[in-house]
């Protein structure tokens, strides 16, 4: 999944509006955490088992968490409005802290944040 799957650019008049799906962002965040854990566990070592047993570890390319939020912050430099969709996915913990930091950075640059409940942008 690339970040384009959870960040959509629209225009409303002269304003650039980015719609951000918290659901898709959270899924990518979890994938990045899992990939980091796999890298740190030294998957693929043969300690305690014959070298021919089992399958080789899966090799998947994924960004790490810092890259995800760094790239997202860079993409938002061109936005006037950030419309946050699916905010029910903003669970507490590290994900929420990183998301709140992203919003603070966006607002500090003069951006406006809007919260919406569904993917169509309808609702409070």
PDB file of N, CA and C in Angstrom:
ATOM      1  N   UNK A   1       0.848  -1.169   0.000  1.00  0.00           N
ATOM      2  CA  UNK A   1       0.000   0.000   0.000  1.00  0.00           C
ATOM      3  C   UNK A   1       0.893   1.231   0.000  1.00  0.00           C
ATOM      4  N   UNK A   2       0.600   2.186  -0.852  1.00  0.00           N
ATOM      5  CA  UNK A   2       1.369   3.412  -0.799  1.00  0.00           C
ATOM      6  C   UNK A   2       0.529   4.520  -0.194  1.00  0.00           C
ATOM      7  N   UNK A   3       1.175   5.607   0.127  1.00  0.00           N
ATOM      8  CA  UNK A   3       0.462   6.655   0.853  1.00  0.00           C
ATOM      9  C   UNK A   3      -0.629   7.302   0.021  1.00  0.00           C
ATOM     10  N   UNK A   4      -0.608   7.138  -1.270  1.00  0.00           N
ATOM     11  CA  UNK A   4      -1.652   7.696  -2.115  1.00  0.00           C
ATOM     12  C   UNK A   4      -2.991   7.020  -1.868  1.00  0.00           C
ATOM     13  N   UNK A   5      -2.976   5.870  -1.223  1.00  0.00           N
ATOM     14  CA  UNK A   5      -4.220   5.173  -0.940  1.00  0.00           C
ATOM     15  C   UNK A   5      -4.947   5.771   0.265  1.00  0.00           C
ATOM     16  N   UNK A   6      -4.275   6.577   1.058  1.00  0.00           N
ATOM     17  CA  UNK A   6      -4.966   7.176   2.188  1.00  0.00           C
ATOM     18  C   UNK A   6      -4.918   8.699   2.176  1.00  0.00           C
ATOM     19  N   UNK A   7      -4.342   9.286   1.131  1.00  0.00           N
ATOM     20  CA  UNK A   7      -4.260  10.741   1.022  1.00  0.00           C
ATOM     21  C   UNK A   7      -4.757  11.144  -0.356  1.00  0.00           C
ATOM     22  N   UNK A   8      -5.828  11.925  -0.413  1.00  0.00           N
ATOM     23  CA  UNK A   8      -6.454  12.301  -1.664  1.00  0.00           C
ATOM     24  C   UNK A   8      -6.475  13.822  -1.778  1.00  0.00           C
ATOM     25  N   UNK A   9      -6.019  14.335  -2.915  1.00  0.00           N
ATOM     26  CA  UNK A   9      -6.010  15.777  -3.151  1.00  0.00           C
ATOM     27  C   UNK A   9      -7.264  16.182  -3.905  1.00  0.00           C
ATOM     28  N   UNK A  10      -7.913  17.227  -3.404  1.00  0.00           N
ATOM     29  CA  UNK A  10      -9.063  17.832  -4.068  1.00  0.00           C
ATOM     30  C   UNK A  10      -8.842  19.337  -4.063  1.00  0.00           C
ATOM     31  N   UNK A  11      -9.606  20.031  -4.857  1.00  0.00           N
ATOM     32  CA  UNK A  11      -9.583  21.488  -4.789  1.00  0.00           C
ATOM     33  C   UNK A  11     -10.998  21.974  -4.544  1.00  0.00           C
ATOM     34  N   UNK A  12     -11.103  22.998  -3.738  1.00  0.00           N
ATOM     35  CA  UNK A  12     -12.377  23.658  -3.470  1.00  0.00           C
ATOM     36  C   UNK A  12     -12.122  25.133  -3.660  1.00  0.00           C
ATOM     37  N   UNK A  13     -12.528  25.628  -4.815  1.00  0.00           N
ATOM     38  CA  UNK A  13     -12.199  27.010  -5.154  1.00  0.00           C
ATOM     39  C   UNK A  13     -10.697  27.109  -5.378  1.00  0.00           C
ATOM     40  N   UNK A  14     -10.046  27.965  -4.641  1.00  0.00           N
ATOM     41  CA  UNK A  14      -8.588  28.113  -4.749  1.00  0.00           C
ATOM     42  C   UNK A  14      -7.842  27.360  -3.650  1.00  0.00           C
ATOM     43  N   UNK A  15      -8.572  26.683  -2.816  1.00  0.00           N
ATOM     44  CA  UNK A  15      -7.948  25.961  -1.697  1.00  0.00           C
ATOM     45  C   UNK A  15      -7.654  24.525  -2.097  1.00  0.00           C
ATOM     46  N   UNK A  16      -6.482  24.059  -1.670  1.00  0.00           N
ATOM     47  CA  UNK A  16      -6.095  22.660  -1.882  1.00  0.00           C
ATOM     48  C   UNK A  16      -6.487  21.881  -0.634  1.00  0.00           C
ATOM     49  N   UNK A  17      -7.328  20.872  -0.830  1.00  0.00           N
ATOM     50  CA  UNK A  17      -7.860  20.078   0.268  1.00  0.00           C
ATOM     51  C   UNK A  17      -7.314  18.657   0.156  1.00  0.00           C
ATOM     52  N   UNK A  18      -6.671  18.207   1.206  1.00  0.00           N
ATOM     53  CA  UNK A  18      -6.222  16.822   1.269  1.00  0.00           C
ATOM     54  C   UNK A  18      -7.155  16.070   2.197  1.00  0.00           C
ATOM     55  N   UNK A  19      -7.651  14.933   1.720  1.00  0.00           N
ATOM     56  CA  UNK A  19      -8.470  14.064   2.560  1.00  0.00           C
ATOM     57  C   UNK A  19      -7.601  12.905   3.011  1.00  0.00           C
ATOM     58  N   UNK A  20      -7.553  12.701   4.311  1.00  0.00           N
ATOM     59  CA  UNK A  20      -6.698  11.681   4.901  1.00  0.00           C
ATOM     60  C   UNK A  20      -7.554  10.630   5.593  1.00  0.00           C
ATOM     61  N   UNK A  21      -7.447   9.391   5.156  1.00  0.00           N
ATOM     62  CA  UNK A  21      -8.174   8.288   5.766  1.00  0.00           C
ATOM     63  C   UNK A  21      -7.364   7.749   6.948  1.00  0.00           C
ATOM     64  N   UNK A  22      -7.870   7.936   8.153  1.00  0.00           N
ATOM     65  CA  UNK A  22      -7.186   7.424   9.345  1.00  0.00           C
ATOM     66  C   UNK A  22      -7.164   5.900   9.350  1.00  0.00           C
ATOM     67  N   UNK A  23      -8.187   5.285   8.780  1.00  0.00           N
ATOM     68  CA  UNK A  23      -8.229   3.828   8.710  1.00  0.00           C
ATOM     69  C   UNK A  23      -7.051   3.305   7.885  1.00  0.00           C
ATOM     70  N   UNK A  24      -6.865   3.854   6.692  1.00  0.00           N
ATOM     71  CA  UNK A  24      -5.777   3.404   5.831  1.00  0.00           C
ATOM     72  C   UNK A  24      -4.412   3.759   6.427  1.00  0.00           C
ATOM     73  N   UNK A  25      -4.304   4.940   7.041  1.00  0.00           N
ATOM     74  CA  UNK A  25      -3.049   5.334   7.678  1.00  0.00           C
ATOM     75  C   UNK A  25      -2.708   4.391   8.829  1.00  0.00           C
ATOM     76  N   UNK A  26      -3.708   4.028   9.620  1.00  0.00           N
ATOM     77  CA  UNK A  26      -3.483   3.119  10.742  1.00  0.00           C
ATOM     78  C   UNK A  26      -3.024   1.742  10.246  1.00  0.00           C
ATOM     79  N   UNK A  27      -3.625   1.268   9.168  1.00  0.00           N
ATOM     80  CA  UNK A  27      -3.220  -0.031   8.610  1.00  0.00           C
ATOM     81  C   UNK A  27      -1.768   0.006   8.156  1.00  0.00           C
ATOM     82  N   UNK A  28      -1.376   1.097   7.518  1.00  0.00           N
ATOM     83  CA  UNK A  28       0.013   1.207   7.078  1.00  0.00           C
ATOM     84  C   UNK A  28       0.950   1.326   8.289  1.00  0.00           C
ATOM     85  N   UNK A  29       0.505   2.008   9.318  1.00  0.00           N
ATOM     86  CA  UNK A  29       1.283   2.141  10.549  1.00  0.00           C
ATOM     87  C   UNK A  29       1.528   0.765  11.182  1.00  0.00           C
ATOM     88  N   UNK A  30       0.489  -0.051  11.260  1.00  0.00           N
ATOM     89  CA  UNK A  30       0.608  -1.402  11.818  1.00  0.00           C
ATOM     90  C   UNK A  30       1.537  -2.259  10.959  1.00  0.00           C
ATOM     91  N   UNK A  31       1.408  -2.158   9.640  1.00  0.00           N
ATOM     92  CA  UNK A  31       2.296  -2.900   8.740  1.00  0.00           C
ATOM     93  C   UNK A  31       3.749  -2.507   8.969  1.00  0.00           C
ATOM     94  N   UNK A  32       3.998  -1.219   9.139  1.00  0.00           N
ATOM     95  CA  UNK A  32       5.367  -0.738   9.360  1.00  0.00           C
ATOM     96  C   UNK A  32       5.914  -1.247  10.689  1.00  0.00           C
ATOM     97  N   UNK A  33       5.077  -1.264  11.718  1.00  0.00           N
ATOM     98  CA  UNK A  33       5.515  -1.796  13.009  1.00  0.00           C
ATOM     99  C   UNK A  33       5.845  -3.286  12.906  1.00  0.00           C
ATOM    100  N   UNK A  34       5.013  -4.031  12.189  1.00  0.00           N
ATOM    101  CA  UNK A  34       5.254  -5.465  12.021  1.00  0.00           C
ATOM    102  C   UNK A  34       6.544  -5.719  11.262  1.00  0.00           C
ATOM    103  N   UNK A  35       6.779  -4.938  10.223  1.00  0.00           N
ATOM    104  CA  UNK A  35       8.000  -5.097   9.440  1.00  0.00           C
ATOM    105  C   UNK A  35       9.230  -4.796  10.295  1.00  0.00           C
ATOM    106  N   UNK A  36       9.140  -3.770  11.128  1.00  0.00           N
ATOM    107  CA  UNK A  36      10.262  -3.427  12.005  1.00  0.00           C
ATOM    108  C   UNK A  36      10.522  -4.551  13.005  1.00  0.00           C
ATOM    109  N   UNK A  37       9.461  -5.138  13.516  1.00  0.00           N
ATOM    110  CA  UNK A  37       9.611  -6.238  14.467  1.00  0.00           C
ATOM    111  C   UNK A  37      10.252  -7.445  13.796  1.00  0.00           C
ATOM    112  N   UNK A  38       9.821  -7.753  12.576  1.00  0.00           N
ATOM    113  CA  UNK A  38      10.421  -8.876  11.846  1.00  0.00           C
ATOM    114  C   UNK A  38      11.905  -8.646  11.597  1.00  0.00           C
ATOM    115  N   UNK A  39      12.260  -7.418  11.247  1.00  0.00           N
ATOM    116  CA  UNK A  39      13.676  -7.113  11.003  1.00  0.00           C
ATOM    117  C   UNK A  39      14.498  -7.264  12.277  1.00  0.00           C
ATOM    118  N   UNK A  40      13.916  -6.901  13.406  1.00  0.00           N
ATOM    119  CA  UNK A  40      14.673  -6.949  14.658  1.00  0.00           C
ATOM    120  C   UNK A  40      14.776  -8.354  15.251  1.00  0.00           C
ATOM    121  N   UNK A  41      13.914  -9.261  14.822  1.00  0.00           N
ATOM    122  CA  UNK A  41      13.930 -10.618  15.372  1.00  0.00           C
ATOM    123  C   UNK A  41      14.884 -11.560  14.643  1.00  0.00           C
ATOM    124  N   UNK A  42      15.628 -11.055  13.694  1.00  0.00           N
ATOM    125  CA  UNK A  42      16.603 -11.859  12.943  1.00  0.00           C
ATOM    126  C   UNK A  42      15.943 -13.064  12.303  1.00  0.00           C
ATOM    127  N   UNK A  43      14.853 -12.819  11.626  1.00  0.00           N
ATOM    128  CA  UNK A  43      14.156 -13.900  10.944  1.00  0.00           C
ATOM    129  C   UNK A  43      15.071 -14.483   9.875  1.00  0.00           C
ATOM    130  N   UNK A  44      15.062 -15.795   9.783  1.00  0.00           N
ATOM    131  CA  UNK A  44      15.861 -16.454   8.772  1.00  0.00           C
ATOM    132  C   UNK A  44      17.114 -17.106   9.328  1.00  0.00           C
ATOM    133  N   UNK A  45      17.356 -16.948  10.616  1.00  0.00           N
ATOM    134  CA  UNK A  45      18.511 -17.627  11.189  1.00  0.00           C
ATOM    135  C   UNK A  45      18.184 -19.105  11.323  1.00  0.00           C
ATOM    136  N   UNK A  46      19.205 -19.924  11.336  1.00  0.00           N
ATOM    137  CA  UNK A  46      18.998 -21.368  11.386  1.00  0.00           C
ATOM    138  C   UNK A  46      19.346 -21.953  12.745  1.00  0.00           C
ATOM    139  N   UNK A  47      19.456 -21.102  13.747  1.00  0.00           N
ATOM    140  CA  UNK A  47      19.790 -21.582  15.075  1.00  0.00           C
ATOM    141  C   UNK A  47      18.727 -22.560  15.567  1.00  0.00           C
ATOM    142  N   UNK A  48      19.167 -23.734  15.944  1.00  0.00           N
ATOM    143  CA  UNK A  48      18.258 -24.712  16.525  1.00  0.00           C
ATOM    144  C   UNK A  48      17.475 -25.530  15.517  1.00  0.00           C
ATOM    145  N   UNK A  49      17.689 -25.314  14.241  1.00  0.00           N
ATOM    146  CA  UNK A  49      16.983 -26.120  13.248  1.00  0.00           C
ATOM    147  C   UNK A  49      17.885 -26.332  12.037  1.00  0.00           C
ATOM    148  N   UNK A  50      17.674 -27.431  11.336  1.00  0.00           N
ATOM    149  CA  UNK A  50      18.482 -27.666  10.136  1.00  0.00           C
ATOM    150  C   UNK A  50      18.274 -26.561   9.111  1.00  0.00           C
ATOM    151  N   UNK A  51      19.282 -26.245   8.351  1.00  0.00           N
ATOM    152  CA  UNK A  51      19.208 -25.147   7.396  1.00  0.00           C
ATOM    153  C   UNK A  51      18.161 -25.393   6.319  1.00  0.00           C
ATOM    154  N   UNK A  52      17.771 -26.634   6.082  1.00  0.00           N
ATOM    155  CA  UNK A  52      16.817 -26.920   5.021  1.00  0.00           C
ATOM    156  C   UNK A  52      15.367 -26.927   5.507  1.00  0.00           C
ATOM    157  N   UNK A  53      15.138 -26.772   6.806  1.00  0.00           N
ATOM    158  CA  UNK A  53      13.758 -26.851   7.298  1.00  0.00           C
ATOM    159  C   UNK A  53      13.025 -25.532   7.089  1.00  0.00           C
ATOM    160  N   UNK A  54      11.775 -25.631   6.772  1.00  0.00           N
ATOM    161  CA  UNK A  54      10.931 -24.453   6.634  1.00  0.00           C
ATOM    162  C   UNK A  54      11.178 -23.685   5.356  1.00  0.00           C
ATOM    163  N   UNK A  55      10.438 -22.604   5.215  1.00  0.00           N
ATOM    164  CA  UNK A  55      10.565 -21.741   4.055  1.00  0.00           C
ATOM    165  C   UNK A  55      11.392 -20.526   4.430  1.00  0.00           C
ATOM    166  N   UNK A  56      11.994 -19.895   3.440  1.00  0.00           N
ATOM    167  CA  UNK A  56      12.736 -18.671   3.749  1.00  0.00           C
ATOM    168  C   UNK A  56      11.771 -17.574   4.192  1.00  0.00           C
ATOM    169  N   UNK A  57      12.255 -16.599   4.927  1.00  0.00           N
ATOM    170  CA  UNK A  57      11.363 -15.530   5.388  1.00  0.00           C
ATOM    171  C   UNK A  57      10.839 -14.714   4.206  1.00  0.00           C
ATOM    172  N   UNK A  58       9.644 -14.210   4.368  1.00  0.00           N
ATOM    173  CA  UNK A  58       9.059 -13.353   3.335  1.00  0.00           C
ATOM    174  C   UNK A  58       9.833 -12.050   3.276  1.00  0.00           C
ATOM    175  N   UNK A  59      10.046 -11.585   2.096  1.00  0.00           N
ATOM    176  CA  UNK A  59      10.741 -10.319   1.910  1.00  0.00           C
ATOM    177  C   UNK A  59       9.737  -9.302   1.390  1.00  0.00           C
ATOM    178  N   UNK A  60       9.392  -8.327   2.228  1.00  0.00           N
ATOM    179  CA  UNK A  60       8.422  -7.310   1.845  1.00  0.00           C
ATOM    180  C   UNK A  60       9.033  -5.936   2.068  1.00  0.00           C
ATOM    181  N   UNK A  61       8.861  -5.099   1.081  1.00  0.00           N
ATOM    182  CA  UNK A  61       9.334  -3.732   1.216  1.00  0.00           C
ATOM    183  C   UNK A  61       8.246  -2.904   1.881  1.00  0.00           C
ATOM    184  N   UNK A  62       8.605  -2.208   2.919  1.00  0.00           N
ATOM    185  CA  UNK A  62       7.655  -1.299   3.545  1.00  0.00           C
ATOM    186  C   UNK A  62       8.431  -0.171   4.192  1.00  0.00           C
ATOM    187  N   UNK A  63       7.762   0.956   4.292  1.00  0.00           N
ATOM    188  CA  UNK A  63       8.365   2.109   4.947  1.00  0.00           C
ATOM    189  C   UNK A  63       8.354   1.886   6.446  1.00  0.00           C
ATOM    190  N   UNK A  64       9.239   2.587   7.139  1.00  0.00           N
ATOM    191  CA  UNK A  64       9.127   2.530   8.588  1.00  0.00           C
ATOM    192  C   UNK A  64       8.208   3.663   9.043  1.00  0.00           C
ATOM    193  N   UNK A  65       7.851   3.665  10.299  1.00  0.00           N
ATOM    194  CA  UNK A  65       6.876   4.605  10.837  1.00  0.00           C
ATOM    195  C   UNK A  65       7.340   6.053  10.649  1.00  0.00           C
ATOM    196  N   UNK A  66       8.619   6.314  10.889  1.00  0.00           N
ATOM    197  CA  UNK A  66       9.135   7.679  10.716  1.00  0.00           C
ATOM    198  C   UNK A  66       9.001   8.139   9.267  1.00  0.00           C
ATOM    199  N   UNK A  67       9.255   7.236   8.331  1.00  0.00           N
ATOM    200  CA  UNK A  67       9.131   7.584   6.911  1.00  0.00           C
ATOM    201  C   UNK A  67       7.681   7.867   6.536  1.00  0.00           C
ATOM    202  N   UNK A  68       6.765   7.084   7.062  1.00  0.00           N
ATOM    203  CA  UNK A  68       5.343   7.290   6.755  1.00  0.00           C
ATOM    204  C   UNK A  68       4.906   8.687   7.173  1.00  0.00           C
ATOM    205  N   UNK A  69       5.168   9.041   8.425  1.00  0.00           N
ATOM    206  CA  UNK A  69       4.722  10.344   8.917  1.00  0.00           C
ATOM    207  C   UNK A  69       5.552  11.485   8.337  1.00  0.00           C
ATOM    208  N   UNK A  70       6.826  11.255   8.059  1.00  0.00           N
ATOM    209  CA  UNK A  70       7.660  12.281   7.428  1.00  0.00           C
ATOM    210  C   UNK A  70       7.195  12.580   6.013  1.00  0.00           C
ATOM    211  N   UNK A  71       6.915  11.533   5.232  1.00  0.00           N
ATOM    212  CA  UNK A  71       6.413  11.720   3.874  1.00  0.00           C
ATOM    213  C   UNK A  71       5.048  12.397   3.874  1.00  0.00           C
ATOM    214  N   UNK A  72       4.210  12.014   4.808  1.00  0.00           N
ATOM    215  CA  UNK A  72       2.885  12.611   4.911  1.00  0.00           C
ATOM    216  C   UNK A  72       2.990  14.095   5.249  1.00  0.00           C
ATOM    217  N   UNK A  73       3.859  14.439   6.179  1.00  0.00           N
ATOM    218  CA  UNK A  73       4.067  15.838   6.537  1.00  0.00           C
ATOM    219  C   UNK A  73       4.569  16.632   5.333  1.00  0.00           C
ATOM    220  N   UNK A  74       5.470  16.045   4.556  1.00  0.00           N
ATOM    221  CA  UNK A  74       5.975  16.712   3.347  1.00  0.00           C
ATOM    222  C   UNK A  74       4.859  16.925   2.330  1.00  0.00           C
ATOM    223  N   UNK A  75       4.009  15.909   2.149  1.00  0.00           N
ATOM    224  CA  UNK A  75       2.901  16.035   1.207  1.00  0.00           C
ATOM    225  C   UNK A  75       1.937  17.141   1.621  1.00  0.00           C
ATOM    226  N   UNK A  76       1.765  17.328   2.911  1.00  0.00           N
ATOM    227  CA  UNK A  76       0.809  18.310   3.406  1.00  0.00           C
ATOM    228  C   UNK A  76       1.304  19.749   3.307  1.00  0.00           C
ATOM    229  N   UNK A  77       2.553  19.955   2.933  1.00  0.00           N
ATOM    230  CA  UNK A  77       3.053  21.331   2.804  1.00  0.00           C
ATOM    231  C   UNK A  77       2.316  22.074   1.696  1.00  0.00           C
ATOM    232  N   UNK A  78       1.747  21.356   0.740  1.00  0.00           N
ATOM    233  CA  UNK A  78       1.014  21.983  -0.360  1.00  0.00           C
ATOM    234  C   UNK A  78      -0.465  22.156  -0.068  1.00  0.00           C
ATOM    235  N   UNK A  79      -0.929  21.731   1.086  1.00  0.00           N
ATOM    236  CA  UNK A  79      -2.362  21.754   1.397  1.00  0.00           C
ATOM    237  C   UNK A  79      -2.751  22.995   2.181  1.00  0.00           C
ATOM    238  N   UNK A  80      -3.977  23.448   1.940  1.00  0.00           N
ATOM    239  CA  UNK A  80      -4.559  24.523   2.737  1.00  0.00           C
ATOM    240  C   UNK A  80      -5.463  23.942   3.823  1.00  0.00           C
ATOM    241  N   UNK A  81      -6.147  22.852   3.466  1.00  0.00           N
ATOM    242  CA  UNK A  81      -7.089  22.207   4.385  1.00  0.00           C
ATOM    243  C   UNK A  81      -6.781  20.718   4.435  1.00  0.00           C
ATOM    244  N   UNK A  82      -6.782  20.167   5.637  1.00  0.00           N
ATOM    245  CA  UNK A  82      -6.646  18.728   5.824  1.00  0.00           C
ATOM    246  C   UNK A  82      -7.971  18.226   6.373  1.00  0.00           C
ATOM    247  N   UNK A  83      -8.645  17.401   5.592  1.00  0.00           N
ATOM    248  CA  UNK A  83      -9.906  16.816   6.024  1.00  0.00           C
ATOM    249  C   UNK A  83      -9.611  15.405   6.523  1.00  0.00           C
ATOM    250  N   UNK A  84      -9.835  15.180   7.806  1.00  0.00           N
ATOM    251  CA  UNK A  84      -9.527  13.906   8.446  1.00  0.00           C
ATOM    252  C   UNK A  84     -10.777  13.031   8.414  1.00  0.00           C
ATOM    253  N   UNK A  85     -10.649  11.872   7.759  1.00  0.00           N
ATOM    254  CA  UNK A  85     -11.751  10.919   7.645  1.00  0.00           C
ATOM    255  C   UNK A  85     -11.524   9.750   8.596  1.00  0.00           C
ATOM    256  N   UNK A  86     -12.573   9.114   9.017  1.00  0.00           N
ATOM    257  CA  UNK A  86     -12.506   7.897   9.836  1.00  0.00           C
ATOM    258  C   UNK A  86     -11.733   8.113  11.134  1.00  0.00           C
ATOM    259  N   UNK A  87     -12.034   9.175  11.839  1.00  0.00           N
ATOM    260  CA  UNK A  87     -11.237   9.467  13.034  1.00  0.00           C
ATOM    261  C   UNK A  87     -11.444   8.479  14.176  1.00  0.00           C
ATOM    262  N   UNK A  88     -12.408   7.573  14.038  1.00  0.00           N
ATOM    263  CA  UNK A  88     -12.566   6.510  15.036  1.00  0.00           C
ATOM    264  C   UNK A  88     -11.316   5.635  15.106  1.00  0.00           C
ATOM    265  N   UNK A  89     -10.504   5.662  14.063  1.00  0.00           N
ATOM    266  CA  UNK A  89      -9.281   4.859  14.017  1.00  0.00           C
ATOM    267  C   UNK A  89      -8.128   5.520  14.766  1.00  0.00           C
ATOM    268  N   UNK A  90      -8.342   6.709  15.284  1.00  0.00           N
ATOM    269  CA  UNK A  90      -7.290   7.396  16.041  1.00  0.00           C
ATOM    270  C   UNK A  90      -7.261   6.852  17.461  1.00  0.00           C
ATOM    271  N   UNK A  91      -6.696   5.680  17.594  1.00  0.00           N
ATOM    272  CA  UNK A  91      -6.609   5.032  18.890  1.00  0.00           C
ATOM    273  C   UNK A  91      -5.546   5.720  19.727  1.00  0.00           C
ATOM    274  N   UNK A  92      -5.597   5.488  21.012  1.00  0.00           N
ATOM    275  CA  UNK A  92      -4.604   6.092  21.892  1.00  0.00           C
ATOM    276  C   UNK A  92      -3.261   5.414  21.702  1.00  0.00           C
ATOM    277  N   UNK A  93      -2.254   5.980  22.283  1.00  0.00           N
ATOM    278  CA  UNK A  93      -0.933   5.385  22.198  1.00  0.00           C
ATOM    279  C   UNK A  93      -0.033   6.131  21.229  1.00  0.00           C
ATOM    280  N   UNK A  94       0.984   5.439  20.775  1.00  0.00           N
ATOM    281  CA  UNK A  94       2.002   6.039  19.914  1.00  0.00           C
ATOM    282  C   UNK A  94       1.419   6.552  18.597  1.00  0.00           C
ATOM    283  N   UNK A  95       0.495   5.810  17.991  1.00  0.00           N
ATOM    284  CA  UNK A  95      -0.112   6.254  16.735  1.00  0.00           C
ATOM    285  C   UNK A  95      -0.805   7.599  16.923  1.00  0.00           C
ATOM    286  N   UNK A  96      -1.572   7.721  17.991  1.00  0.00           N
ATOM    287  CA  UNK A  96      -2.287   8.972  18.260  1.00  0.00           C
ATOM    288  C   UNK A  96      -1.313  10.126  18.504  1.00  0.00           C
ATOM    289  N   UNK A  97      -0.240   9.863  19.231  1.00  0.00           N
ATOM    290  CA  UNK A  97       0.763  10.908  19.493  1.00  0.00           C
ATOM    291  C   UNK A  97       1.392  11.394  18.197  1.00  0.00           C
ATOM    292  N   UNK A  98       1.755  10.461  17.339  1.00  0.00           N
ATOM    293  CA  UNK A  98       2.357  10.841  16.057  1.00  0.00           C
ATOM    294  C   UNK A  98       1.366  11.610  15.186  1.00  0.00           C
ATOM    295  N   UNK A  99       0.112  11.185  15.204  1.00  0.00           N
ATOM    296  CA  UNK A  99      -0.905  11.873  14.422  1.00  0.00           C
ATOM    297  C   UNK A  99      -1.127  13.287  14.954  1.00  0.00           C
ATOM    298  N   UNK A 100      -1.212  13.438  16.264  1.00  0.00           N
ATOM    299  CA  UNK A 100      -1.393  14.761  16.862  1.00  0.00           C
ATOM    300  C   UNK A 100      -0.212  15.678  16.550  1.00  0.00           C
ATOM    301  N   UNK A 101       0.991  15.129  16.525  1.00  0.00           N
ATOM    302  CA  UNK A 101       2.176  15.911  16.165  1.00  0.00           C
ATOM    303  C   UNK A 101       2.088  16.371  14.712  1.00  0.00           C
ATOM    304  N   UNK A 102       1.628  15.484  13.843  1.00  0.00           N
ATOM    305  CA  UNK A 102       1.437  15.827  12.430  1.00  0.00           C
ATOM    306  C   UNK A 102       0.442  16.978  12.291  1.00  0.00           C
ATOM    307  N   UNK A 103      -0.684  16.899  13.006  1.00  0.00           N
ATOM    308  CA  UNK A 103      -1.686  17.964  12.951  1.00  0.00           C
ATOM    309  C   UNK A 103      -1.141  19.278  13.491  1.00  0.00           C
ATOM    310  N   UNK A 104      -0.379  19.220  14.568  1.00  0.00           N
ATOM    311  CA  UNK A 104       0.204  20.439  15.138  1.00  0.00           C
ATOM    312  C   UNK A 104       1.160  21.103  14.141  1.00  0.00           C
ATOM    313  N   UNK A 105       1.950  20.306  13.467  1.00  0.00           N
ATOM    314  CA  UNK A 105       2.868  20.829  12.462  1.00  0.00           C
ATOM    315  C   UNK A 105       2.096  21.468  11.307  1.00  0.00           C
ATOM    316  N   UNK A 106       1.041  20.816  10.863  1.00  0.00           N
ATOM    317  CA  UNK A 106       0.214  21.342   9.776  1.00  0.00           C
ATOM    318  C   UNK A 106      -0.439  22.660  10.173  1.00  0.00           C
ATOM    319  N   UNK A 107      -0.994  22.700  11.370  1.00  0.00           N
ATOM    320  CA  UNK A 107      -1.629  23.933  11.845  1.00  0.00           C
ATOM    321  C   UNK A 107      -0.615  25.061  12.026  1.00  0.00           C
ATOM    322  N   UNK A 108       0.598  24.734  12.467  1.00  0.00           N
ATOM    323  CA  UNK A 108       1.642  25.749  12.664  1.00  0.00           C
ATOM    324  C   UNK A 108       2.023  26.412  11.338  1.00  0.00           C
ATOM    325  N   UNK A 109       1.849  25.694  10.237  1.00  0.00           N
ATOM    326  CA  UNK A 109       2.136  26.265   8.914  1.00  0.00           C
ATOM    327  C   UNK A 109       0.950  27.046   8.360  1.00  0.00           C
ATOM    328  N   UNK A 110      -0.124  27.146   9.140  1.00  0.00           N
ATOM    329  CA  UNK A 110      -1.291  27.905   8.714  1.00  0.00           C
ATOM    330  C   UNK A 110      -2.394  27.059   8.115  1.00  0.00           C
ATOM    331  N   UNK A 111      -2.281  25.754   8.195  1.00  0.00           N
ATOM    332  CA  UNK A 111      -3.296  24.867   7.637  1.00  0.00           C
ATOM    333  C   UNK A 111      -4.508  24.753   8.541  1.00  0.00           C
ATOM    334  N   UNK A 112      -5.622  24.435   7.922  1.00  0.00           N
ATOM    335  CA  UNK A 112      -6.876  24.252   8.653  1.00  0.00           C
ATOM    336  C   UNK A 112      -7.215  22.761   8.666  1.00  0.00           C
ATOM    337  N   UNK A 113      -7.641  22.237   9.809  1.00  0.00           N
ATOM    338  CA  UNK A 113      -7.993  20.828   9.949  1.00  0.00           C
ATOM    339  C   UNK A 113      -9.499  20.712  10.132  1.00  0.00           C
ATOM    340  N   UNK A 114     -10.102  19.820   9.344  1.00  0.00           N
ATOM    341  CA  UNK A 114     -11.525  19.522   9.458  1.00  0.00           C
ATOM    342  C   UNK A 114     -11.673  18.038   9.725  1.00  0.00           C
ATOM    343  N   UNK A 115     -12.601  17.674  10.593  1.00  0.00           N
ATOM    344  CA  UNK A 115     -12.862  16.276  10.892  1.00  0.00           C
ATOM    345  C   UNK A 115     -14.197  15.875  10.275  1.00  0.00           C
ATOM    346  N   UNK A 116     -14.199  14.726   9.647  1.00  0.00           N
ATOM    347  CA  UNK A 116     -15.394  14.190   9.014  1.00  0.00           C
ATOM    348  C   UNK A 116     -15.531  12.735   9.428  1.00  0.00           C
ATOM    349  N   UNK A 117     -16.754  12.222   9.475  1.00  0.00           N
ATOM    350  CA  UNK A 117     -16.958  10.858   9.961  1.00  0.00           C
ATOM    351  C   UNK A 117     -16.897   9.788   8.882  1.00  0.00           C
ATOM    352  N   UNK A 118     -17.193  10.135   7.648  1.00  0.00           N
ATOM    353  CA  UNK A 118     -17.193   9.077   6.642  1.00  0.00           C
ATOM    354  C   UNK A 118     -16.308   9.425   5.464  1.00  0.00           C
ATOM    355  N   UNK A 119     -16.144   8.471   4.574  1.00  0.00           N
ATOM    356  CA  UNK A 119     -15.224   8.637   3.455  1.00  0.00           C
ATOM    357  C   UNK A 119     -15.752   9.587   2.390  1.00  0.00           C
ATOM    358  N   UNK A 120     -16.997   9.957   2.432  1.00  0.00           N
ATOM    359  CA  UNK A 120     -17.547  10.867   1.447  1.00  0.00           C
ATOM    360  C   UNK A 120     -17.461  12.305   1.901  1.00  0.00           C
ATOM    361  N   UNK A 121     -16.958  12.522   3.098  1.00  0.00           N
ATOM    362  CA  UNK A 121     -16.837  13.886   3.596  1.00  0.00           C
ATOM    363  C   UNK A 121     -18.151  14.447   4.095  1.00  0.00           C
ATOM    364  N   UNK A 122     -19.129  13.577   4.363  1.00  0.00           N
ATOM    365  CA  UNK A 122     -20.426  14.016   4.848  1.00  0.00           C
ATOM    366  C   UNK A 122     -20.508  13.738   6.345  1.00  0.00           C
ATOM    367  N   UNK A 123     -20.967  14.670   7.084  1.00  0.00           N
ATOM    368  CA  UNK A 123     -21.129  14.443   8.515  1.00  0.00           C
ATOM    369  C   UNK A 123     -20.364  15.452   9.335  1.00  0.00           C
ATOM    370  N   UNK A 124     -20.580  15.450  10.633  1.00  0.00           N
ATOM    371  CA  UNK A 124     -19.930  16.443  11.507  1.00  0.00           C
ATOM    372  C   UNK A 124     -18.453  16.182  11.661  1.00  0.00           C
TER     373      UNK A 124
END
